[in-house]
Each structure stands twice: as C-alpha cells, then as structure tokens.
Amino acid sequence: MAITPQKAVRGVNTVFEQLFLDESGDPLIPVDPSSYPSVAIVSPSEEIIQQGVGTPLGDGRYRYTWFVPGDAELSSFDTSWRIDWFFLTSGGRQLTKTSSFAIIDNVVATAEERAYTNLTENNTSERLFLKLSREPSEVSVTLMDISGITESYTPTKVVMDGYTTYYADTSDLGIGKYIASWKIRETPVSPAQTFIQQIRVPENQFWFMQPSLRMLIDKVQKKEGHVQAYSDSDMYEYFLRGLDVVNQANPISGWTFGSIPVIGGFDSYLIAAAAWWGLQAQYLAEGELKFDFTGQTVTLAVDRTAIYADAIARLGDYLKTELPRTKRNWLRRNSIGSLASRPYDYGITSLVTPVFRGAGGTSQILPLLSRIGLL
C-alpha cells in the first residue's frame, strides 16, 4: 500500500512510500537498484522540482524523502502537487504510479488561536474569523447568545500568506456568552462542515481583579502563547469556577461578580479560589510534560508537579478553614437575630407569637410589633 501524505508543510521533510509487487504479491526486482524506482516531484504547473531514486525497505516497498522548500508554491482549491514513481523490472516491464498531495504553509499557533474562547470588552464589537487552507464553495456565519437569539453576518474574504481568511464584525455585545457558528462546503456537493467559536464578555470587575490573580500564579511571567502560559480567557474561566467555590462554601450564597461583598476580604477569597482552580489545570499540564532522561554521563529529570500539588493543598486548606468562618460572620453582621420562646404561666390563654418565617433581615421585629398593637 502506498503512503502519500495528504499535506506537506513548507520547510519540513516529507516522507513518501510506494509498493511494487507482481500479480502474485511477490516483490518486483528492478533492472538497476541504483536507478529504479525513479522518483519525480512535480509542481501544479507541471514543472519537475526534484528527481531521485527510492530507497528499498524490503518486501517490495520503497521510500523517498523530500525536503519541502520554504518558498514552494502553495496548493489551492483546484491545484495540487504530485509524486511520480517509475519502475523498470529486470524483465523489461515498466510501471508508473502517481499520487497527489497539497503543500501548506508552516502554521504557528498564536496566542489568540491557542485560546479556548475569545474575550472582548462590554458594549464593543468583536471580529469573528475563520482561516482555511483552501477557498470553500460556500461559507456563512451566525452568532447566538445564551438565550438563543441569533444574528447572521455576511463574511468578508481576504487571501493572505497562502490562506483564505473570512471575517465578520458583530454588533456591540453585552456581558455574557456567545457562540459563533461557521458553516462551509468545500464543493457544491460536499457535506457541510461546522466550526464553533465561543466569545465571552466578562464583567468589568474581572479586568480589575485579573492582575492580582496573575501576580499570584504567574510570577515567572510565562510568554503568552506558550503551552504553560495563562491567557486572559484562561483567567476568566478560573474566576468563574472560583466564584462557584466561594458560593458553595457553607453557608451557601449566590454571589456574582457584581454582587460579591467588597468588605470582609471576599475578593481575596475569590482570587485564592480562582488560583486553586487554575493550578489544577497547570498540575495536569506539568504531569504531561514531565520527563526523565539518563545517558552515559548525564541524568536529566524535569518534574514540577510536586510544587503545584503543594500550592494546591495550601490554598485548599486556606479556603476550607477560613472562608466558611468569614461567610458566617459576614451574614451575622448583616442580619438581626430572632428569638421566640413559649411563655410559662398558669393561664389557659398562653400564646406563642411567631416572630418571622423568612430569611434574615432588618425588619424581623415588625410582625410582632404589629401583633401587639404598637404599629
């Protein structure tokens, strides 16, 4: 079976393999192993870019390695490269096999492309974009908010660096979450493909609190775009999950970014909870990146998981012990207690008056005062 990659990348070695067998499945013998099978790399304009000889691997299989030049012509929707194999057997039999492939540019993920979500400011427009290696036959994009309301846009096409990029500018977006759905068809008869992007508009408090979280967990200041770096979209996710941790601590609360108390140090608890959640992700990343190497004279081991495990444990203990205590004290400070007891006397008209049956508040005594006629 031939092995021809569907795509070859500029500036990278590409390996091709081809199989030459007779009708019985036995390997064919070349008339001259130093000349056959001959190989030719042909450009979309039918120009022979490189010629060579396949390397035998045994059992009739041959390999050819080609270093794709950095300025090689990029493939488009209707053009492609090909590799031609020509085999001449010792008995004079000639065989030709051809395979097509595409050449694409070397893609380096940017910080924006690495992010799981796109962040934008409140009441501003966001640019949606989709980058493709080939121009599709059809393309459309819609934006849906969390309530299900959708908007459709007509994307604009830009061809740059061998890629076809489509973009569309949204209307001004409010605080919340949005889903951008791109639908394309490569040809008029191709099935539709869907690409999903998520946009988040954080509360204004996030932008004020984000530097504090970064100062806590990213003192090394990892370069943005690196696999271990913290993007703004990562930070916002950590804050959202940290807010859940704060609300779940007893007594349970329902605070949001806009309603969490500004007194009592709850912003510090929120930062600690966000850091605790973010370090969980970093711990898993370091577990996947750790390695051990032992040579004749060198031993190298990289494992930072213990550092993150210790930080996670200390933050967890802090939240477990201090946060519930502070929440209870804050609730006591902002509510008036109630006491109701059954009177002890010898009359037959003893009366127990319910003071209040609702949540704590400043008006708990009003029903009692009304009952005894003082209001």
Protein backbone atom coordinates (compact mmCIF):
# COMPACT_ATOMS: atom_id res chain seq x y z
CA MET A 1 0.00 0.00 0.00
CA ALA A 2 1.33 3.44 -0.92
CA ILE A 3 1.85 6.02 1.79
CA THR A 4 1.47 9.58 0.50
CA PRO A 5 0.69 12.36 2.98
CA GLN A 6 -2.33 14.45 2.05
CA LYS A 7 -0.46 17.60 3.05
CA ALA A 8 3.21 18.55 3.04
CA VAL A 9 4.42 21.52 5.08
CA ARG A 10 6.88 24.12 3.88
CA GLY A 11 10.34 23.76 5.45
CA VAL A 12 9.71 20.21 6.68
CA ASN A 13 10.85 16.78 5.46
CA THR A 14 8.03 14.78 3.89
CA VAL A 15 8.21 11.00 3.55
CA PHE A 16 6.62 9.10 0.66
CA GLU A 17 6.41 5.32 0.32
CA GLN A 18 5.37 3.12 -2.59
CA LEU A 19 4.88 -0.63 -3.05
CA PHE A 20 5.88 -2.57 -6.18
CA LEU A 21 4.59 -6.18 -6.33
CA ASP A 22 3.70 -8.59 -9.12
CA GLU A 23 0.31 -10.29 -9.58
CA SER A 24 1.30 -13.00 -7.09
CA GLY A 25 2.20 -10.48 -4.40
CA ASP A 26 5.95 -11.04 -4.75
CA PRO A 27 8.33 -8.05 -4.81
CA LEU A 28 9.41 -6.84 -8.25
CA ILE A 29 13.14 -6.78 -8.96
CA PRO A 30 14.49 -3.56 -10.56
CA VAL A 31 16.81 -3.83 -13.53
CA ASP A 32 19.19 -1.42 -11.76
CA PRO A 33 18.65 -0.82 -7.97
CA SER A 34 20.76 2.35 -8.19
CA SER A 35 18.40 3.91 -10.75
CA TYR A 36 14.97 2.44 -10.03
CA PRO A 37 12.42 3.18 -8.91
CA SER A 38 12.98 6.73 -10.09
CA VAL A 39 11.01 9.48 -8.38
CA ALA A 40 9.93 12.92 -9.62
CA ILE A 41 8.26 15.69 -7.59
CA VAL A 42 6.02 17.71 -9.94
CA SER A 43 4.56 21.14 -9.18
CA PRO A 44 0.99 22.24 -10.08
CA SER A 45 2.46 23.99 -13.15
CA GLU A 46 3.90 20.62 -14.36
CA GLU A 47 7.47 21.62 -13.51
CA ILE A 48 9.74 18.86 -12.20
CA ILE A 49 11.10 20.27 -8.95
CA GLN A 50 13.24 17.33 -7.84
CA GLN A 51 14.22 13.85 -9.05
CA GLY A 52 15.75 10.95 -7.19
CA VAL A 53 15.71 7.22 -6.50
CA GLY A 54 13.59 5.42 -3.95
CA THR A 55 15.31 3.69 -1.03
CA PRO A 56 14.45 -0.04 -0.70
CA LEU A 57 12.84 -1.07 2.61
CA GLY A 58 12.36 -4.74 1.75
CA ASP A 59 9.36 -6.76 0.55
CA GLY A 60 8.90 -4.51 -2.48
CA ARG A 61 8.46 -1.27 -0.51
CA TYR A 62 10.44 1.88 -1.32
CA ARG A 63 10.76 5.23 0.44
CA TYR A 64 11.58 8.71 -0.76
CA THR A 65 12.16 11.73 1.49
CA TRP A 66 11.75 15.26 0.17
CA PHE A 67 12.55 18.47 1.99
CA VAL A 68 9.81 20.92 1.02
CA PRO A 69 11.41 24.28 0.16
CA GLY A 70 10.30 27.25 2.20
CA ASP A 71 9.17 29.05 -0.97
CA ALA A 72 7.37 26.08 -2.56
CA GLU A 73 4.14 27.01 -4.33
CA LEU A 74 1.15 26.60 -2.03
CA SER A 75 -1.74 24.45 -3.17
CA SER A 76 -5.14 25.96 -3.81
CA PHE A 77 -8.62 24.55 -4.13
CA ASP A 78 -8.11 23.31 -7.70
CA THR A 79 -4.33 22.74 -7.83
CA SER A 80 -2.13 20.12 -6.23
CA TRP A 81 1.35 18.63 -6.33
CA ARG A 82 2.13 15.06 -7.26
CA ILE A 83 4.87 12.46 -6.94
CA ASP A 84 5.58 10.13 -9.91
CA TRP A 85 7.21 6.72 -9.40
CA PHE A 86 8.72 4.89 -12.42
CA PHE A 87 9.82 1.26 -12.05
CA LEU A 88 11.69 -0.84 -14.66
CA THR A 89 11.98 -4.54 -13.85
CA SER A 90 14.79 -6.86 -14.85
CA GLY A 91 12.43 -8.43 -17.38
CA GLY A 92 11.80 -5.08 -19.08
CA ARG A 93 8.38 -4.43 -17.53
CA GLN A 94 7.56 -0.74 -16.88
CA LEU A 95 5.29 0.52 -14.10
CA THR A 96 4.26 4.10 -13.30
CA LYS A 97 2.44 5.14 -10.12
CA THR A 98 1.28 8.67 -9.30
CA SER A 99 -0.05 10.23 -6.08
CA SER A 100 -1.25 13.79 -5.40
CA PHE A 101 -0.70 15.91 -2.30
CA ALA A 102 -1.06 19.53 -1.15
CA ILE A 103 1.57 21.92 0.16
CA ILE A 104 0.60 24.22 3.02
CA ASP A 105 2.48 26.88 4.92
CA ASN A 106 4.09 26.22 8.28
CA VAL A 107 1.42 27.10 10.83
CA VAL A 108 2.44 28.52 14.22
CA ALA A 109 -0.38 28.94 16.69
CA THR A 110 -0.77 32.47 18.00
CA ALA A 111 -1.90 33.29 21.50
CA GLU A 112 -5.39 34.02 20.15
CA GLU A 113 -5.57 30.72 18.27
CA ARG A 114 -4.48 28.79 21.36
CA ALA A 115 -7.24 30.29 23.48
CA TYR A 116 -10.36 28.18 24.01
CA THR A 117 -12.55 31.30 23.99
CA ASN A 118 -12.29 34.88 22.77
CA LEU A 119 -12.70 37.69 25.29
CA THR A 120 -13.93 41.15 24.46
CA GLU A 121 -14.98 44.21 26.44
CA ASN A 122 -18.52 45.10 27.32
CA ASN A 123 -20.53 47.07 24.73
CA THR A 124 -17.93 46.58 21.98
CA SER A 125 -17.91 44.73 18.66
CA GLU A 126 -15.87 41.57 18.14
CA ARG A 127 -14.34 40.33 14.88
CA LEU A 128 -15.07 36.70 14.06
CA PHE A 129 -12.62 35.00 11.72
CA LEU A 130 -12.02 31.63 10.09
CA LYS A 131 -8.71 30.71 8.37
CA LEU A 132 -8.75 27.96 5.72
CA SER A 133 -6.05 26.44 3.53
CA ARG A 134 -8.45 26.27 0.57
CA GLU A 135 -11.26 28.53 -0.56
CA PRO A 136 -14.64 26.81 0.02
CA SER A 137 -17.64 26.88 -2.28
CA GLU A 138 -19.98 28.22 0.44
CA VAL A 139 -19.41 29.95 3.78
CA SER A 140 -21.75 31.53 6.34
CA VAL A 141 -21.58 32.60 9.99
CA THR A 142 -24.14 33.16 12.74
CA LEU A 143 -23.83 34.36 16.35
CA MET A 144 -26.10 33.08 19.14
CA ASP A 145 -26.36 34.36 22.72
CA ILE A 146 -27.18 32.23 25.75
CA SER A 147 -30.92 32.92 25.38
CA GLY A 148 -30.95 31.55 21.82
CA ILE A 149 -31.21 34.85 19.92
CA THR A 150 -29.15 34.68 16.71
CA GLU A 151 -27.63 37.17 14.29
CA SER A 152 -26.34 36.35 10.79
CA TYR A 153 -23.45 38.12 9.05
CA THR A 154 -22.01 38.23 5.56
CA PRO A 155 -18.29 37.36 5.92
CA THR A 156 -15.56 39.21 4.04
CA LYS A 157 -12.81 37.22 2.27
CA VAL A 158 -9.09 38.03 2.49
CA VAL A 159 -6.30 35.95 0.86
CA MET A 160 -3.01 36.26 2.71
CA ASP A 161 0.12 34.06 3.03
CA GLY A 162 -1.48 31.24 1.08
CA TYR A 163 -4.57 31.09 3.30
CA THR A 164 -8.12 32.23 2.71
CA THR A 165 -9.44 34.06 5.76
CA TYR A 166 -13.05 35.08 6.32
CA TYR A 167 -14.09 37.62 8.93
CA ALA A 168 -17.23 39.37 10.14
CA ASP A 169 -17.77 42.12 12.72
CA THR A 170 -20.54 41.61 15.26
CA SER A 171 -22.84 44.20 16.76
CA ASP A 172 -21.97 45.57 20.21
CA LEU A 173 -22.01 42.70 22.71
CA GLY A 174 -23.17 42.86 26.32
CA ILE A 175 -21.90 40.83 29.28
CA GLY A 176 -22.47 37.12 28.72
CA LYS A 177 -21.55 34.17 26.49
CA TYR A 178 -21.94 33.85 22.72
CA ILE A 179 -21.46 31.03 20.20
CA ALA A 180 -20.19 31.79 16.68
CA SER A 181 -21.06 29.05 14.19
CA TRP A 182 -19.23 28.90 10.83
CA LYS A 183 -20.65 26.58 8.15
CA ILE A 184 -18.72 25.79 4.96
CA ARG A 185 -18.93 23.48 1.94
CA GLU A 186 -15.67 22.73 0.15
CA THR A 187 -17.54 22.00 -3.11
CA PRO A 188 -21.21 22.42 -4.11
CA VAL A 189 -21.78 18.70 -3.49
CA SER A 190 -19.69 18.39 -0.30
CA PRO A 191 -21.32 17.85 3.09
CA ALA A 192 -21.48 20.91 5.33
CA GLN A 193 -18.76 21.38 7.95
CA THR A 194 -19.28 23.39 11.13
CA PHE A 195 -16.66 25.31 13.12
CA ILE A 196 -17.62 26.65 16.56
CA GLN A 197 -16.06 29.59 18.40
CA GLN A 198 -17.08 30.89 21.82
CA ILE A 199 -17.00 34.55 22.77
CA ARG A 200 -17.21 35.75 26.35
CA VAL A 201 -17.80 39.29 27.58
CA PRO A 202 -16.55 39.41 31.20
CA GLU A 203 -17.88 41.66 33.92
CA ASN A 204 -15.84 44.82 34.45
CA GLN A 205 -14.69 43.50 37.85
CA PHE A 206 -12.74 40.76 36.09
CA TRP A 207 -10.39 43.22 34.38
CA PHE A 208 -9.67 44.88 37.73
CA MET A 209 -9.06 41.59 39.57
CA GLN A 210 -7.20 39.71 36.83
CA PRO A 211 -3.76 41.29 37.54
CA SER A 212 -3.98 40.14 41.17
CA LEU A 213 -4.52 36.53 40.08
CA ARG A 214 -1.68 36.73 37.57
CA MET A 215 0.67 38.11 40.23
CA LEU A 216 -0.15 35.11 42.42
CA ILE A 217 0.24 32.22 39.97
CA ASP A 218 2.47 33.61 37.20
CA LYS A 219 5.46 35.32 38.80
CA VAL A 220 7.68 33.76 36.12
CA GLN A 221 5.62 35.69 33.55
CA LYS A 222 5.42 32.88 31.01
CA LYS A 223 5.40 34.09 27.43
CA GLU A 224 1.90 34.35 26.01
CA GLY A 225 1.19 31.58 23.52
CA HIS A 226 3.34 29.05 25.41
CA VAL A 227 1.52 25.91 26.47
CA GLN A 228 2.14 26.71 30.14
CA ALA A 229 1.15 30.37 29.93
CA TYR A 230 -2.09 31.78 31.30
CA SER A 231 -4.24 33.55 28.72
CA ASP A 232 -6.95 36.06 29.63
CA SER A 233 -9.59 33.52 28.62
CA ASP A 234 -8.00 31.00 30.99
CA MET A 235 -8.03 33.57 33.79
CA TYR A 236 -11.71 34.34 33.29
CA GLU A 237 -12.61 30.64 33.41
CA TYR A 238 -10.65 30.28 36.66
CA PHE A 239 -12.52 33.22 38.16
CA LEU A 240 -15.90 31.75 37.18
CA ARG A 241 -15.06 28.40 38.74
CA GLY A 242 -13.52 30.15 41.77
CA LEU A 243 -16.77 32.07 42.24
CA ASP A 244 -18.58 28.71 42.35
CA VAL A 245 -16.16 27.52 45.04
CA VAL A 246 -16.83 30.64 47.15
CA ASN A 247 -20.61 30.29 46.76
CA GLN A 248 -20.56 26.58 47.64
CA ALA A 249 -18.76 27.16 50.94
CA ASN A 250 -21.15 26.94 53.90
CA PRO A 251 -23.34 28.95 54.28
CA ILE A 252 -24.24 28.69 50.59
CA SER A 253 -24.52 32.00 48.73
CA GLY A 254 -25.46 33.16 45.25
CA TRP A 255 -22.99 35.96 44.61
CA THR A 256 -21.95 37.10 41.17
CA PHE A 257 -19.01 39.25 40.10
CA GLY A 258 -21.21 42.29 40.61
CA SER A 259 -22.75 41.32 43.95
CA ILE A 260 -19.90 39.70 45.88
CA PRO A 261 -19.24 41.82 49.02
CA VAL A 262 -16.43 44.32 48.79
CA ILE A 263 -15.81 44.15 52.54
CA GLY A 264 -14.64 41.21 54.59
CA GLY A 265 -11.85 40.23 52.19
CA PHE A 266 -14.08 38.21 49.88
CA ASP A 267 -12.13 39.45 46.86
CA SER A 268 -9.07 37.73 48.33
CA TYR A 269 -11.04 34.51 48.77
CA LEU A 270 -12.21 34.75 45.17
CA ILE A 271 -8.63 35.19 43.94
CA ALA A 272 -7.48 32.25 46.08
CA ALA A 273 -10.30 30.05 44.75
CA ALA A 274 -9.51 31.04 41.15
CA ALA A 275 -5.81 30.28 41.74
CA TRP A 276 -6.72 26.92 43.29
CA TRP A 277 -8.73 26.01 40.17
CA GLY A 278 -6.09 27.30 37.75
CA LEU A 279 -3.27 25.41 39.44
CA GLN A 280 -5.26 22.19 38.99
CA ALA A 281 -5.01 22.69 35.21
CA GLN A 282 -1.32 23.58 35.47
CA TYR A 283 -0.69 20.46 37.56
CA LEU A 284 -2.16 18.25 34.82
CA ALA A 285 -0.13 20.08 32.17
CA GLU A 286 3.10 19.56 34.07
CA GLY A 287 2.23 15.89 34.54
CA GLU A 288 2.02 15.50 30.75
CA LEU A 289 5.25 17.46 30.16
CA LYS A 290 7.49 15.82 32.75
CA PHE A 291 10.25 13.51 31.53
CA ASP A 292 13.34 11.60 32.66
CA PHE A 293 16.49 11.08 30.61
CA THR A 294 19.51 9.00 31.56
CA GLY A 295 22.62 8.89 29.39
CA GLN A 296 26.08 7.50 29.96
CA THR A 297 27.21 10.56 31.89
CA VAL A 298 24.09 12.72 32.11
CA THR A 299 20.85 12.31 34.05
CA LEU A 300 18.10 14.83 33.47
CA ALA A 301 14.71 14.89 35.17
CA VAL A 302 12.01 17.55 34.83
CA ASP A 303 9.01 17.23 37.15
CA ARG A 304 7.32 20.27 38.68
CA THR A 305 4.11 18.54 39.74
CA ALA A 306 5.16 18.44 43.40
CA ILE A 307 5.39 22.24 43.51
CA TYR A 308 1.87 22.64 42.17
CA ALA A 309 0.50 19.90 44.41
CA ASP A 310 1.86 21.70 47.47
CA ALA A 311 0.40 25.05 46.37
CA ILE A 312 -2.99 23.44 45.64
CA ALA A 313 -3.04 21.81 49.10
CA ARG A 314 -2.19 25.07 50.91
CA LEU A 315 -4.80 27.08 49.03
CA GLY A 316 -7.38 24.33 49.62
CA ASP A 317 -6.72 24.35 53.37
CA TYR A 318 -6.98 28.15 53.48
CA LEU A 319 -10.34 28.13 51.70
CA LYS A 320 -11.67 25.22 53.73
CA THR A 321 -10.92 26.73 57.13
CA GLU A 322 -11.17 30.49 56.68
CA LEU A 323 -13.84 31.04 54.04
CA PRO A 324 -16.82 29.41 55.87
CA ARG A 325 -15.94 31.25 59.09
CA THR A 326 -15.79 34.61 57.31
CA LYS A 327 -19.07 33.98 55.49
CA ARG A 328 -20.87 33.12 58.74
CA ASN A 329 -19.52 36.26 60.45
CA TRP A 330 -20.49 38.41 57.47
CA LEU A 331 -24.05 37.05 57.46
CA ARG A 332 -24.39 37.68 61.22
CA ARG A 333 -23.13 41.21 60.75
CA ASN A 334 -25.73 41.94 58.08
CA SER A 335 -28.81 40.36 59.72
CA ILE A 336 -30.74 40.64 63.02
CA GLY A 337 -31.26 37.52 65.06
CA SER A 338 -34.68 36.34 66.24
CA LEU A 339 -35.65 34.59 69.45
CA ALA A 340 -39.05 33.02 70.05
CA SER A 341 -39.90 31.03 73.21
CA ARG A 342 -43.03 29.54 74.77
CA PRO A 343 -44.16 31.52 77.87
CA TYR A 344 -44.50 29.69 81.16
CA ASP A 345 -47.58 30.66 83.24
CA TYR A 346 -50.65 29.06 84.70
CA GLY A 347 -53.19 30.64 82.40
CA ILE A 348 -55.18 28.86 79.75
CA THR A 349 -54.60 31.58 77.17
CA SER A 350 -50.84 31.19 76.74
CA LEU A 351 -49.87 32.41 73.31
CA VAL A 352 -46.80 31.73 71.19
CA THR A 353 -46.29 34.51 68.66
CA PRO A 354 -44.28 33.69 65.51
CA VAL A 355 -41.67 36.38 65.11
CA PHE A 356 -40.73 35.80 61.46
CA ARG A 357 -40.74 32.96 58.96
CA GLY A 358 -38.47 34.44 56.32
CA ALA A 359 -34.77 34.93 55.70
CA GLY A 360 -32.73 37.13 57.99
CA GLY A 361 -33.22 40.87 57.56
CA THR A 362 -33.64 44.20 59.30
CA SER A 363 -37.46 44.08 59.59
CA GLN A 364 -37.93 40.85 61.54
CA ILE A 365 -39.47 42.59 64.56
CA LEU A 366 -42.23 44.32 62.58
CA PRO A 367 -44.75 41.41 62.61
CA LEU A 368 -44.50 41.16 66.40
CA LEU A 369 -44.94 44.89 66.94
CA SER A 370 -47.96 44.86 64.66
CA ARG A 371 -49.46 41.90 66.53
CA ILE A 372 -49.32 43.62 69.91
CA GLY A 373 -50.70 46.85 68.51
CA LEU A 374 -47.58 49.02 68.56
CA LEU A 375 -47.70 49.52 64.81
